Every structure is written in C-alpha cells, then in structure tokens.
Amino acid sequence: MDGEQKKLIIIDGYLASGKSTFALRLSKSLNIPYLVKDTFKDALCQSVPIASRAESSMYSSVTFDAILYVVERLFETANPVIIEGNFVPCGVKAIDEAGKIKQLIDKYGYSSLTFILKGDTRILHERFLKREISIERGRANKIGFDVPYKLFDQWCRNLDGFDVGGKIITVDTSDFGSVDFEEYICLAKRFLY
C-alpha cells in the first residue's frame, strides 16, 4: 500500500459530545477500521470486576495502551485508521496521551486529521447524566456517582488543547440536529483520498 493511505483520523473532545457515534458513522462511510476507547475498555474488562473509580481509571490507562498497540500494528501495514476517545493533552494526566499518539504518527510517517467535538457543557452534562443511567452504558465506563456540573465542566476543559499536528476541525455538537455530519464525512474522504 502506498503512502497515500498512511492517514489517521482522530475523534477527540468533550464527554457526551457524540464522539463514538460519529466514529462509527465515519468508519462505515469510509470503510476503514475504528477503535473507540469506551467500547475497547468494555471489551478488555468483560471478565474483570471493577470495584472503584480508581480501578476504572487504571483500566482506562490500560485501554489507551492497548489501543496504541493495535494502531501501531495497523500503521506497520500503512493502513488508515480512526481512533476515538477523550484523549488528553500533556499535563492533564500522568500519561501524555497526545504525545504518545504524536510519537506513532511521526515514527510511521502518517498524516492526521483531528475532529474535536465540543459544545455547551450544560447541555453535554445533561446528556452525560442520562447516558450514565442507560443500560447501554458499559459497566467499565460508569462513573458511579452523580457528577456535579462544575466537575463535569472541569473534566471537559481538561481536554482542551489536544493537538498532535495535522489539521484540526472543531465541531459544536450542542445540537446534533444542526450539525452537517455529511460535510464532515466529505472532509474526511478528501483527507483520505
């Protein structure tokens, strides 16, 4: 496969902003694999009891490492891939997730396109609380307490500043009905081909 296919699409952004749904839609439209951090974590933790928020956070770090392992295997074959998650910039957690992704991009000579989904954090907070009590929410990703707005807003703002180079497109998903997802899919197709 030629260098034209060495493309990484990253979907990052605020909690409950629709990242996973967009990743799936993009993957189906582009016919390329996608890795979603939350569902990956659910798969890894199927047989593991998670007793506390601290344990859940530990498995989030393990999940990130596992995703990078799979991404590197795909990079070795020069395949395009989509990764989705609330990846953090340097200085937020002990692990510089943006830095680790950037290292792989540089190592394998990939180009990146990042969609950052954001929105009014009051609206996203309401979505988040509803999602937390839904049966679709995986056990490994449940927070386990009613997250107050101020803390939720802080968690979202901690994600600001994610940048691994390449083109960045910010999408306001406060109102899904007003987002032209087809336009963003077309932008991703132009990036890939």
Protein backbone atom coordinates (compact mmCIF):
# COMPACT_ATOMS: atom_id res chain seq x y z
CA MET A 1 0.00 0.00 0.00
CA ASP A 2 1.37 3.41 -0.91
CA GLY A 3 1.98 6.37 1.38
CA GLU A 4 -1.35 7.90 0.32
CA GLN A 5 -3.10 5.55 2.75
CA LYS A 6 -0.97 6.48 5.76
CA LYS A 7 -3.74 8.50 7.36
CA LEU A 8 -5.01 8.70 10.93
CA ILE A 9 -8.35 10.26 11.81
CA ILE A 10 -8.71 11.17 15.47
CA ILE A 11 -12.05 11.97 17.07
CA ASP A 12 -11.47 13.72 20.38
CA GLY A 13 -13.42 16.10 22.52
CA TYR A 14 -15.76 16.66 25.40
CA LEU A 15 -17.66 13.98 27.27
CA ALA A 16 -21.11 13.13 25.82
CA SER A 17 -20.40 15.11 22.65
CA GLY A 18 -21.22 12.25 20.27
CA LYS A 19 -17.67 11.09 19.52
CA SER A 20 -18.42 7.35 19.42
CA THR A 21 -21.48 7.76 17.20
CA PHE A 22 -19.51 9.93 14.78
CA ALA A 23 -16.61 7.44 14.75
CA LEU A 24 -18.95 4.60 13.81
CA ARG A 25 -20.64 6.67 11.10
CA LEU A 26 -17.29 7.76 9.69
CA SER A 27 -15.93 4.22 9.74
CA LYS A 28 -18.92 2.88 7.83
CA SER A 29 -18.79 5.71 5.29
CA LEU A 30 -15.04 5.37 4.70
CA ASN A 31 -14.82 1.59 5.13
CA ILE A 32 -11.83 1.81 7.46
CA PRO A 33 -11.39 0.38 10.97
CA TYR A 34 -12.15 2.41 14.05
CA LEU A 35 -11.21 1.98 17.70
CA VAL A 36 -13.46 3.55 20.33
CA LYS A 37 -11.89 3.94 23.76
CA ASP A 38 -15.04 3.20 25.80
CA THR A 39 -16.10 0.08 23.89
CA PHE A 40 -12.49 -1.12 23.81
CA LYS A 41 -12.39 -0.73 27.60
CA ASP A 42 -15.66 -2.65 27.96
CA ALA A 43 -14.22 -5.49 25.88
CA LEU A 44 -10.99 -5.59 27.91
CA CYS A 45 -12.87 -5.60 31.21
CA GLN A 46 -15.53 -8.23 30.42
CA SER A 47 -14.12 -10.66 32.99
CA VAL A 48 -12.63 -8.15 35.40
CA PRO A 49 -14.50 -6.89 38.44
CA ILE A 50 -14.16 -3.13 38.83
CA ALA A 51 -14.79 -2.11 42.43
CA SER A 52 -13.91 1.58 42.41
CA ARG A 53 -13.42 4.71 40.33
CA ALA A 54 -9.65 4.35 40.86
CA GLU A 55 -9.71 0.86 39.33
CA SER A 56 -11.78 2.14 36.42
CA SER A 57 -9.22 4.90 35.81
CA MET A 58 -6.40 2.34 35.89
CA TYR A 59 -8.19 0.29 33.23
CA SER A 60 -8.63 3.47 31.16
CA SER A 61 -4.84 3.76 31.05
CA VAL A 62 -4.51 0.08 30.12
CA THR A 63 -7.11 0.60 27.38
CA PHE A 64 -5.16 3.52 25.94
CA ASP A 65 -2.01 1.37 25.81
CA ALA A 66 -3.95 -1.46 24.11
CA ILE A 67 -5.39 0.92 21.52
CA LEU A 68 -1.92 2.24 20.72
CA TYR A 69 -0.68 -1.32 20.31
CA VAL A 70 -3.40 -2.06 17.74
CA VAL A 71 -2.86 1.29 16.00
CA GLU A 72 0.84 0.56 15.66
CA ARG A 73 0.10 -2.84 14.09
CA LEU A 74 -2.15 -1.09 11.56
CA PHE A 75 0.49 1.59 10.96
CA GLU A 76 3.03 -1.13 10.19
CA THR A 77 0.85 -2.13 7.23
CA ALA A 78 0.30 1.52 6.19
CA ASN A 79 -3.47 1.20 6.71
CA PRO A 80 -5.71 4.16 7.56
CA VAL A 81 -7.49 4.03 10.90
CA ILE A 82 -9.88 6.05 13.07
CA ILE A 83 -9.34 6.36 16.82
CA GLU A 84 -11.85 7.89 19.19
CA GLY A 85 -11.60 8.87 22.81
CA ASN A 86 -11.27 11.68 25.28
CA PHE A 87 -7.52 11.74 24.71
CA VAL A 88 -5.81 14.33 26.86
CA PRO A 89 -3.06 16.85 26.13
CA CYS A 90 0.20 16.98 28.01
CA GLY A 91 -0.02 17.99 31.67
CA VAL A 92 -3.50 16.70 32.46
CA LYS A 93 -2.69 13.11 33.45
CA ALA A 94 0.48 11.25 34.28
CA ILE A 95 0.38 9.84 30.73
CA ASP A 96 0.75 12.31 27.86
CA GLU A 97 -1.74 10.66 25.51
CA ALA A 98 -1.37 13.33 22.82
CA GLY A 99 2.41 12.93 22.96
CA LYS A 100 2.23 9.14 22.60
CA ILE A 101 -0.12 9.39 19.61
CA LYS A 102 2.18 12.01 18.04
CA GLN A 103 5.20 9.70 18.50
CA LEU A 104 3.46 6.96 16.49
CA ILE A 105 2.40 9.43 13.79
CA ASP A 106 5.99 10.62 13.43
CA LYS A 107 7.53 7.14 13.64
CA TYR A 108 5.42 5.80 10.77
CA GLY A 109 5.16 8.96 8.66
CA TYR A 110 1.40 9.30 8.98
CA SER A 111 -0.76 12.36 8.37
CA SER A 112 -3.54 13.17 10.83
CA LEU A 113 -6.92 14.83 10.78
CA THR A 114 -8.50 15.54 14.16
CA PHE A 115 -12.16 16.24 14.74
CA ILE A 116 -12.67 17.83 18.15
CA LEU A 117 -16.28 17.61 19.29
CA LYS A 118 -17.30 20.22 21.84
CA GLY A 119 -20.42 22.04 22.91
CA ASP A 120 -22.27 23.86 25.63
CA THR A 121 -21.16 21.92 28.71
CA ARG A 122 -24.54 22.43 30.42
CA ILE A 123 -26.24 20.56 27.56
CA LEU A 124 -23.49 17.93 27.44
CA HIS A 125 -23.77 17.46 31.21
CA GLU A 126 -27.47 16.62 30.88
CA ARG A 127 -26.64 14.10 28.12
CA PHE A 128 -23.88 12.66 30.26
CA LEU A 129 -26.17 12.11 33.26
CA LYS A 130 -28.78 10.37 31.08
CA ARG A 131 -26.11 8.21 29.48
CA GLU A 132 -24.79 7.16 32.90
CA ILE A 133 -28.09 5.55 33.85
CA SER A 134 -28.77 3.93 30.48
CA ILE A 135 -28.40 0.18 30.14
CA GLU A 136 -26.27 0.70 27.02
CA ARG A 137 -23.52 2.32 29.08
CA GLY A 138 -20.87 -0.30 29.71
CA ARG A 139 -20.14 -1.33 33.28
CA ALA A 140 -16.46 -0.48 32.93
CA ASN A 141 -17.27 3.11 31.94
CA LYS A 142 -19.83 4.01 34.58
CA ILE A 143 -18.70 6.79 36.89
CA GLY A 144 -20.70 5.51 39.86
CA PHE A 145 -21.94 8.82 41.25
CA ASP A 146 -23.93 11.86 40.13
CA VAL A 147 -21.26 14.10 38.68
CA PRO A 148 -21.98 17.74 39.54
CA TYR A 149 -21.89 20.23 36.67
CA LYS A 150 -18.81 22.08 37.92
CA LEU A 151 -16.75 18.86 38.00
CA PHE A 152 -18.10 17.77 34.60
CA ASP A 153 -17.19 21.15 33.10
CA GLN A 154 -13.67 20.84 34.55
CA TRP A 155 -13.27 17.34 33.05
CA CYS A 156 -14.29 18.73 29.65
CA ARG A 157 -12.00 21.76 29.87
CA ASN A 158 -9.09 19.44 30.77
CA LEU A 159 -9.41 18.08 27.23
CA ASP A 160 -8.83 21.50 25.61
CA GLY A 161 -5.52 21.89 23.86
CA PHE A 162 -5.29 18.40 22.33
CA ASP A 163 -3.02 18.72 19.29
CA VAL A 164 -0.86 16.12 17.54
CA GLY A 165 -0.23 18.24 14.45
CA GLY A 166 -2.14 17.93 11.23
CA LYS A 167 -5.47 19.56 10.50
CA ILE A 168 -7.91 20.16 13.37
CA ILE A 169 -11.63 20.67 12.85
CA THR A 170 -13.76 21.73 15.82
CA VAL A 171 -17.41 20.68 15.73
CA ASP A 172 -20.09 22.11 18.05
CA THR A 173 -22.42 19.22 18.91
CA SER A 174 -24.63 21.05 21.40
CA ASP A 175 -27.49 20.40 18.97
CA PHE A 176 -26.95 17.24 16.90
CA GLY A 177 -29.71 18.31 14.52
CA SER A 178 -27.77 21.39 13.43
CA VAL A 179 -24.54 19.50 12.66
CA ASP A 180 -23.91 18.68 8.99
CA PHE A 181 -22.19 15.34 9.58
CA GLU A 182 -22.20 14.62 5.83
CA GLU A 183 -19.99 17.66 5.31
CA TYR A 184 -17.50 16.33 7.86
CA ILE A 185 -17.57 12.89 6.23
CA CYS A 186 -16.78 14.58 2.88
CA LEU A 187 -13.86 16.42 4.51
CA ALA A 188 -12.56 13.11 5.86
CA LYS A 189 -12.88 11.48 2.41
CA ARG A 190 -10.89 14.31 0.84
CA PHE A 191 -8.25 13.88 3.54
CA LEU A 192 -8.00 10.14 2.85
CA TYR A 193 -8.07 10.23 -0.92
